[in-house]
Structures are given as structure tokens and as C-alpha cells.
Amino acid sequence: MLNFLRSIRFAAVIAAAAAMLVTATLPSNAETGSVRLRITKAGFIVGVGGGSGTLVFRGRSYPLRVGGISVGTIGVASADLVGFARNLRSPTDIAGAFSAVGASVAVVGGAKVAHLRNTNGVLLDLHGAQVGLELSLNLSGMTIDLVQ
């Protein structure tokens, strides 16, 4: 009986490993696009911001509108960010609410890095320059909409 249970357990492990191997080798339909955003925000404790940008996906450009709110921000700053949007299946996947937790300080100028995820599973990896005076230890979110 013990050998029979071991054989079943061994077969289950082999089946699970084979399933993982098959799904790991299947091609993904998700693609990557490039993103450029210009965002300005201001606040004292609660900050609000907005901006615009462009998604380039499959050789076409899509205009974007950005809005957002943060808690724990003091100051006024503007950021020009570039990077990539990963896990896109269509340009509309970038639309939605993105969230991230982070901390930053900018006095006149500084580097900004952001890693965000939206409800569609799209990952934004952005970097760029920030200009202004801002101190933040915040929980922030932003929404991105495709401009029609």
C-alpha cells in the first residue's frame, strides 16, 4: 500500500512539472510599449496632479491623460518620465488606476523612478527628471486614460 501511495505522489509531481513546463514554453500574447509622461503635482498633506503623455504600441502613438492624488506630499513639482508599459495586449489595457507606495525628495531637480501596476496587470517602469520642491512619503495613485 505504501508503494502505491508513493507511486501516485510521484505521478502527481511529474504531472505538475510537465504542466509548468508546457505553460512556461507557450508564447505570451502580452507585449511591451514605450511611454512618455509629463506630470505636475502640488499639495500640502494631500496632493493632486495631472498631465499628459503618449503610449507607442505596435508602431502607433496613443495620446494619454494622467490624473492622480497622493497623501503625504508637500510642495510643487513637475516630472518628465519615460519608460515602458509591459503586459499590454491592446492599447486600451493601459487605461485604469495605477498604484504605488514610495518616498522621494526633490529640491529644484532630481531623479524620479516609478514602478506601478494597474488593475489590468499592466506594469509601468518609468524614470526621468523631476523639477521643483517636493517632499513626500506617500501612498499615491494615478489614473491613465486614452484620449479619444
Protein backbone atom coordinates (compact mmCIF):
# COMPACT_ATOMS: atom_id res chain seq x y z
CA MET A 1 0.00 0.00 0.00
CA LEU A 2 2.84 2.38 0.88
CA ASN A 3 4.49 1.82 -2.51
CA PHE A 4 1.18 2.50 -4.25
CA LEU A 5 0.83 5.87 -2.44
CA ARG A 6 4.43 6.76 -3.34
CA SER A 7 3.73 5.93 -6.99
CA ILE A 8 0.64 8.17 -7.01
CA ARG A 9 2.58 11.00 -5.35
CA PHE A 10 5.44 10.60 -7.86
CA ALA A 11 2.98 10.66 -10.79
CA ALA A 12 1.34 13.82 -9.41
CA VAL A 13 4.72 15.56 -9.10
CA ILE A 14 5.65 14.57 -12.68
CA ALA A 15 2.27 15.79 -13.99
CA ALA A 16 2.64 19.14 -12.18
CA ALA A 17 6.19 19.59 -13.51
CA ALA A 18 5.05 18.79 -17.05
CA ALA A 19 2.18 21.29 -16.78
CA MET A 20 4.58 24.01 -15.59
CA LEU A 21 6.99 23.24 -18.44
CA VAL A 22 4.24 23.42 -21.05
CA THR A 23 2.86 26.75 -19.76
CA ALA A 24 6.37 28.21 -19.47
CA THR A 25 7.09 27.49 -23.12
CA LEU A 26 3.78 28.74 -24.52
CA PRO A 27 4.13 32.13 -26.23
CA SER A 28 2.54 35.05 -24.42
CA ASN A 29 0.23 37.45 -26.21
CA ALA A 30 1.37 40.30 -23.97
CA GLU A 31 3.66 42.93 -25.48
CA THR A 32 5.61 46.00 -24.38
CA GLY A 33 5.06 49.62 -25.42
CA SER A 34 7.03 52.77 -24.71
CA VAL A 35 5.57 55.55 -22.58
CA ARG A 36 6.36 59.25 -22.12
CA LEU A 37 4.55 61.24 -19.41
CA ARG A 38 4.69 64.84 -18.19
CA ILE A 39 3.11 65.18 -14.75
CA THR A 40 2.73 68.20 -12.46
CA LYS A 41 1.56 67.92 -8.87
CA ALA A 42 1.12 70.21 -5.91
CA GLY A 43 -0.04 69.72 -2.39
CA PHE A 44 0.16 70.18 1.32
CA ILE A 45 -0.53 66.83 3.01
CA VAL A 46 -2.91 65.87 0.18
CA GLY A 47 -1.50 66.38 -3.29
CA VAL A 48 -3.23 66.45 -6.64
CA GLY A 49 -1.68 66.26 -10.03
CA GLY A 50 -2.22 65.68 -13.66
CA GLY A 51 -0.59 65.66 -17.01
CA SER A 52 -0.41 64.11 -20.41
CA GLY A 53 1.67 61.64 -22.32
CA THR A 54 1.99 59.21 -25.16
CA LEU A 55 1.95 55.43 -25.49
CA VAL A 56 3.72 53.99 -28.54
CA PHE A 57 2.43 50.47 -29.15
CA ARG A 58 2.78 48.36 -32.28
CA GLY A 59 4.15 51.36 -34.18
CA ARG A 60 1.22 53.69 -33.39
CA SER A 61 1.06 56.62 -30.97
CA TYR A 62 -1.81 56.96 -28.50
CA PRO A 63 -2.30 60.20 -26.52
CA LEU A 64 -2.79 59.78 -22.77
CA ARG A 65 -4.33 61.87 -20.00
CA VAL A 66 -2.98 61.41 -16.46
CA GLY A 67 -4.65 62.33 -13.17
CA GLY A 68 -3.81 61.46 -9.62
CA ILE A 69 -3.84 62.04 -5.92
CA SER A 70 -1.32 61.40 -3.18
CA VAL A 71 -1.32 61.59 0.60
CA GLY A 72 1.78 62.86 2.39
CA THR A 73 3.04 65.36 -0.20
CA ILE A 74 4.33 68.86 0.48
CA GLY A 75 5.42 71.12 -2.37
CA VAL A 76 5.10 71.63 -6.11
CA ALA A 77 6.94 69.53 -8.67
CA SER A 78 6.87 68.55 -12.31
CA ALA A 79 8.29 65.34 -13.76
CA ASP A 80 9.14 64.22 -17.28
CA LEU A 81 9.12 60.43 -17.28
CA VAL A 82 9.92 57.85 -19.94
CA GLY A 83 9.87 54.09 -19.82
CA PHE A 84 7.93 51.01 -20.71
CA ALA A 85 4.43 49.60 -20.28
CA ARG A 86 4.63 45.82 -20.03
CA ASN A 87 1.90 43.16 -20.30
CA LEU A 88 -0.14 45.01 -22.93
CA ARG A 89 -2.47 43.02 -25.15
CA SER A 90 -4.08 46.14 -26.63
CA PRO A 91 -3.56 49.90 -26.17
CA THR A 92 -6.69 50.12 -24.01
CA ASP A 93 -5.02 47.93 -21.34
CA ILE A 94 -3.02 50.96 -20.16
CA ALA A 95 -6.22 52.76 -19.12
CA GLY A 96 -7.09 52.42 -15.46
CA ALA A 97 -5.96 53.09 -11.93
CA PHE A 98 -2.28 52.58 -11.10
CA SER A 99 -0.92 52.41 -7.58
CA ALA A 100 2.46 52.51 -5.88
CA VAL A 101 3.97 53.23 -2.49
CA GLY A 102 7.15 55.30 -2.39
CA ALA A 103 9.23 58.10 -0.98
CA SER A 104 11.06 60.93 -2.72
CA VAL A 105 12.67 64.28 -2.18
CA ALA A 106 13.29 66.86 -4.91
CA VAL A 107 14.79 70.29 -4.33
CA VAL A 108 14.99 72.19 -7.64
CA GLY A 109 15.76 68.98 -9.54
CA GLY A 110 16.31 65.30 -9.08
CA ALA A 111 15.79 61.82 -10.43
CA LYS A 112 12.44 60.09 -10.25
CA VAL A 113 11.82 56.36 -10.63
CA ALA A 114 8.37 54.78 -10.55
CA HIS A 115 7.16 51.18 -10.75
CA LEU A 116 3.37 50.98 -10.92
CA ARG A 117 0.74 48.36 -11.70
CA ASN A 118 -2.85 48.81 -12.82
CA THR A 119 -5.93 46.66 -12.43
CA ASN A 120 -5.39 45.20 -15.94
CA GLY A 121 -1.98 43.82 -14.93
CA VAL A 122 -0.03 46.43 -16.90
CA LEU A 123 3.32 47.29 -15.31
CA LEU A 124 4.79 50.77 -15.81
CA ASP A 125 8.53 51.14 -15.33
CA LEU A 126 9.31 54.86 -15.57
CA HIS A 127 12.29 57.09 -14.90
CA GLY A 128 13.16 60.70 -15.53
CA ALA A 129 13.83 64.13 -14.14
CA GLN A 130 11.75 65.98 -11.56
CA VAL A 131 11.91 69.75 -11.13
CA GLY A 132 10.51 71.72 -8.19
CA LEU A 133 10.38 71.43 -4.42
CA GLU A 134 8.66 68.34 -3.11
CA LEU A 135 8.93 66.16 -0.04
CA SER A 136 6.80 63.06 0.02
CA LEU A 137 6.39 59.89 1.96
CA ASN A 138 3.21 58.77 0.42
CA LEU A 139 0.68 56.34 -0.81
CA SER A 140 -0.20 57.51 -4.27
CA GLY A 141 -2.31 56.53 -7.17
CA MET A 142 -2.88 57.78 -10.66
CA THR A 143 -5.27 57.11 -13.45
CA ILE A 144 -4.39 56.96 -17.11
CA ASP A 145 -6.98 57.38 -19.84
CA LEU A 146 -6.63 57.10 -23.59
CA VAL A 147 -7.61 60.39 -25.23
CA GLN A 148 -10.13 59.71 -27.98
